């Protein structure tokens, strides 16, 4: 069995594909490691908005700050220690609040090509 441990300092952060805002993602485990999921960390600057169609099943754990996700007219707010799960095909608006946010995420399958 292979066991991994990661911290946000292990991630190399890049802007989410197609985005120009202060929103960054950094994979720490992905298809290069041979498993079925991607694990990483996200960073959102204050008051950022990301409108997206979710291409994979995406689970976010809020580490710091607050995140709101709106889908189909309903909004879910989450803070540290809470989880937001988004399903493939969901059209969402992800919003950070005035303090920004840090997240950890797991996606299935991989969201990014090697």
Protein backbone atom coordinates (compact mmCIF):
# COMPACT_ATOMS: atom_id res chain seq x y z
CA UNK A 1 0.00 0.00 0.00
CA UNK A 2 1.24 3.49 -0.85
CA UNK A 3 0.39 6.25 1.61
CA UNK A 4 0.79 9.96 0.85
CA UNK A 5 0.71 13.06 3.04
CA UNK A 6 0.44 16.53 1.53
CA UNK A 7 0.38 20.14 2.71
CA UNK A 8 -0.60 23.17 0.65
CA UNK A 9 3.09 24.07 0.52
CA UNK A 10 3.61 20.96 -1.64
CA UNK A 11 1.37 22.38 -4.40
CA UNK A 12 2.52 24.44 -7.36
CA UNK A 13 -0.39 26.85 -7.86
CA UNK A 14 -1.59 27.86 -11.32
CA UNK A 15 -4.62 29.78 -12.50
CA UNK A 16 -7.58 27.60 -13.22
CA UNK A 17 -7.81 26.96 -16.98
CA UNK A 18 -9.44 29.84 -18.85
CA UNK A 19 -9.56 32.09 -15.78
CA UNK A 20 -7.98 35.50 -15.30
CA UNK A 21 -9.06 36.15 -11.70
CA UNK A 22 -7.24 35.56 -8.43
CA UNK A 23 -8.17 31.85 -8.35
CA UNK A 24 -5.46 29.20 -8.31
CA UNK A 25 -5.29 25.40 -8.13
CA UNK A 26 -2.38 23.10 -7.40
CA UNK A 27 -2.52 19.34 -7.81
CA UNK A 28 -0.43 17.24 -5.47
CA UNK A 29 -1.66 13.80 -6.62
CA UNK A 30 -3.03 13.11 -10.08
CA UNK A 31 -2.87 10.79 -13.08
CA UNK A 32 0.92 10.89 -12.97
CA UNK A 33 0.73 8.84 -9.75
CA UNK A 34 -1.44 6.11 -11.30
CA UNK A 35 -4.56 6.52 -9.15
CA UNK A 36 -8.14 7.34 -10.21
CA UNK A 37 -8.51 10.70 -8.41
CA UNK A 38 -6.84 14.10 -8.35
CA UNK A 39 -6.08 15.69 -4.98
CA UNK A 40 -4.96 19.29 -4.61
CA UNK A 41 -5.35 22.67 -3.01
CA UNK A 42 -7.17 25.80 -4.15
CA UNK A 43 -6.61 29.46 -3.35
CA UNK A 44 -9.21 32.19 -3.88
CA UNK A 45 -8.45 35.88 -3.46
CA UNK A 46 -11.05 38.13 -1.83
CA UNK A 47 -14.42 38.47 -3.60
CA UNK A 48 -13.60 36.26 -6.57
CA UNK A 49 -16.26 34.67 -8.78
CA UNK A 50 -15.83 31.60 -10.95
CA UNK A 51 -18.67 30.61 -13.31
CA UNK A 52 -18.13 27.08 -14.59
CA UNK A 53 -19.67 23.86 -15.74
CA UNK A 54 -18.18 21.14 -13.56
CA UNK A 55 -16.40 18.66 -15.84
CA UNK A 56 -15.73 16.02 -13.14
CA UNK A 57 -17.10 15.13 -9.71
CA UNK A 58 -15.44 17.75 -7.49
CA UNK A 59 -15.37 17.76 -3.69
CA UNK A 60 -13.96 20.82 -1.88
CA UNK A 61 -13.00 20.98 1.79
CA UNK A 62 -12.87 24.56 3.02
CA UNK A 63 -9.65 25.10 4.97
CA UNK A 64 -9.80 28.88 5.54
CA UNK A 65 -12.27 31.63 4.67
CA UNK A 66 -15.72 31.10 3.17
CA UNK A 67 -16.99 29.82 -0.19
CA UNK A 68 -20.49 30.08 -1.63
CA UNK A 69 -21.62 27.86 -4.49
CA UNK A 70 -24.80 28.60 -6.42
CA UNK A 71 -26.34 25.90 -8.62
CA UNK A 72 -29.87 25.68 -10.02
CA UNK A 73 -30.95 28.74 -8.02
CA UNK A 74 -29.78 27.40 -4.65
CA UNK A 75 -26.76 28.69 -2.75
CA UNK A 76 -24.66 26.70 -0.29
CA UNK A 77 -22.25 28.57 2.02
CA UNK A 78 -19.33 26.76 3.67
CA UNK A 79 -16.53 27.66 6.03
CA UNK A 80 -13.54 25.92 7.62
CA UNK A 81 -14.03 22.21 8.10
CA UNK A 82 -17.08 22.02 5.83
CA UNK A 83 -17.37 20.19 2.50
CA UNK A 84 -19.03 21.17 -0.79
CA UNK A 85 -19.62 18.40 -3.34
CA UNK A 86 -20.32 19.31 -6.97
CA UNK A 87 -21.34 16.76 -9.57
CA UNK A 88 -20.22 16.42 -13.16
CA UNK A 89 -22.39 18.65 -15.37
CA UNK A 90 -23.41 21.11 -12.62
CA UNK A 91 -23.41 24.72 -13.77
CA UNK A 92 -22.10 26.64 -10.78
CA UNK A 93 -21.03 30.03 -9.56
CA UNK A 94 -18.28 29.70 -6.95
CA UNK A 95 -17.71 32.85 -4.90
CA UNK A 96 -15.15 33.67 -2.24
CA UNK A 97 -15.92 36.29 0.37
CA UNK A 98 -14.00 39.33 1.57
CA UNK A 99 -11.33 37.26 3.38
CA UNK A 100 -10.64 34.97 0.40
CA UNK A 101 -10.43 31.20 0.89
CA UNK A 102 -8.19 28.16 0.86
CA UNK A 103 -9.53 24.74 -0.06
CA UNK A 104 -8.45 21.15 -0.51
CA UNK A 105 -10.10 19.18 -3.31
CA UNK A 106 -10.59 15.68 -4.66
CA UNK A 107 -11.87 15.12 -8.19
CA UNK A 108 -12.94 12.00 -10.01
CA UNK A 109 -11.81 11.43 -12.65
CA UNK A 110 -8.83 13.72 -13.21
CA UNK A 111 -9.72 17.30 -14.14
CA UNK A 112 -6.48 18.12 -15.90
CA UNK A 113 -4.55 16.40 -18.68
CA UNK A 114 -0.86 15.66 -18.02
